[in-house]
Protein backbone atom coordinates (compact mmCIF):
# COMPACT_ATOMS: atom_id res chain seq x y z
CA UNK A 1 -1.08 -5.52 25.15
CA UNK A 2 -1.91 -2.95 22.46
CA UNK A 3 0.51 -0.99 20.31
CA UNK A 4 -0.66 1.80 18.04
CA UNK A 5 1.54 3.79 15.71
CA UNK A 6 0.89 6.20 12.87
CA UNK A 7 3.18 6.21 9.84
CA UNK A 8 3.31 8.53 6.85
CA UNK A 9 4.52 7.00 3.61
CA UNK A 10 5.77 9.45 1.00
CA UNK A 11 4.61 8.52 -2.49
CA UNK A 12 5.38 9.66 -6.03
CA UNK A 13 1.90 9.43 -7.53
CA UNK A 14 -0.14 6.41 -8.52
CA UNK A 15 1.32 2.91 -8.41
CA UNK A 16 2.16 0.27 -5.84
CA UNK A 17 4.57 0.78 -2.96
CA UNK A 18 6.49 -1.79 -0.95
CA UNK A 19 5.70 -1.37 2.77
CA UNK A 20 6.97 -4.68 4.18
CA UNK A 21 10.15 -3.42 5.87
CA UNK A 22 8.41 -0.38 7.37
CA UNK A 23 5.64 -2.57 8.79
CA UNK A 24 8.20 -5.07 10.12
CA UNK A 25 9.91 -2.21 12.02
CA UNK A 26 6.60 -1.12 13.56
CA UNK A 27 5.85 -4.68 14.68
CA UNK A 28 9.36 -5.08 16.11
CA UNK A 29 9.05 -1.80 18.06
CA UNK A 30 5.76 -3.00 19.53
CA UNK A 31 7.48 -5.78 21.46
CA UNK A 32 4.51 -8.05 20.78
CA UNK A 33 5.48 -11.60 19.76
CA UNK A 34 2.04 -12.92 18.76
CA UNK A 35 -1.07 -11.08 17.75
CA UNK A 36 -2.97 -9.35 15.00
CA UNK A 37 -1.80 -6.30 13.07
CA UNK A 38 -4.49 -4.01 11.71
CA UNK A 39 -3.33 -1.63 9.00
CA UNK A 40 -5.58 1.28 8.07
CA UNK A 41 -4.77 3.22 4.90
CA UNK A 42 -6.23 6.70 5.34
CA UNK A 43 -6.61 7.89 1.76
CA UNK A 44 -9.51 8.28 -0.61
CA UNK A 45 -8.22 6.02 -3.37
CA UNK A 46 -5.62 3.83 -1.64
CA UNK A 47 -5.80 0.10 -1.03
CA UNK A 48 -3.70 -2.46 0.76
CA UNK A 49 -2.68 -5.46 -1.36
CA UNK A 50 -1.00 -8.47 0.21
CA UNK A 51 0.94 -10.88 -1.98
CA UNK A 52 3.86 -13.28 -1.57
CA UNK A 53 6.44 -10.86 -3.04
CA UNK A 54 8.95 -13.60 -3.98
CA UNK A 55 9.18 -12.30 -7.54
CA UNK A 56 9.48 -8.54 -8.24
CA UNK A 57 7.74 -9.05 -11.58
CA UNK A 58 4.48 -9.69 -9.70
CA UNK A 59 4.34 -6.05 -8.60
CA UNK A 60 5.23 -4.79 -12.10
CA UNK A 61 2.52 -7.01 -13.59
CA UNK A 62 0.00 -5.70 -11.06
CA UNK A 63 0.94 -2.08 -11.86
CA UNK A 64 0.59 -2.76 -15.60
CA UNK A 65 -2.80 -4.42 -15.11
CA UNK A 66 -4.13 -1.55 -12.97
CA UNK A 67 -2.84 1.03 -15.47
CA UNK A 68 -4.76 -0.77 -18.22
CA UNK A 69 -7.86 -1.23 -16.05
CA UNK A 70 -8.01 2.44 -14.99
CA UNK A 71 -5.87 4.54 -17.36
CA UNK A 72 -4.82 8.05 -16.38
CA UNK A 73 -7.17 10.67 -17.79
CA UNK A 74 -10.13 8.34 -18.24
CA UNK A 75 -13.14 10.69 -18.30
CA UNK A 76 -15.25 8.08 -16.52
CA UNK A 77 -13.52 8.94 -13.23
CA UNK A 78 -13.76 12.31 -11.45
CA UNK A 79 -11.18 11.77 -8.67
CA UNK A 80 -7.84 13.15 -9.93
CA UNK A 81 -6.10 14.26 -6.70
CA UNK A 82 -2.97 12.20 -7.54
CA UNK A 83 -2.64 13.51 -11.10
């Protein structure tokens, strides 16, 4: 059995976004009990990060690290569609 569904996630600019509940709803609607879920993020500069999510500070730490790694306005980067 195959289930395919397209979702649009509204965002507020750069940063990380919690998608767990939305993805759980998609899986539940599929009616599939065992299988593989493939998630494709259709965006030029988006990524999918999977972590244990037991502590909300993990996501804040990750956001802080990425902000330091690639600061807004860094002239090294040309892609600014989210700015």
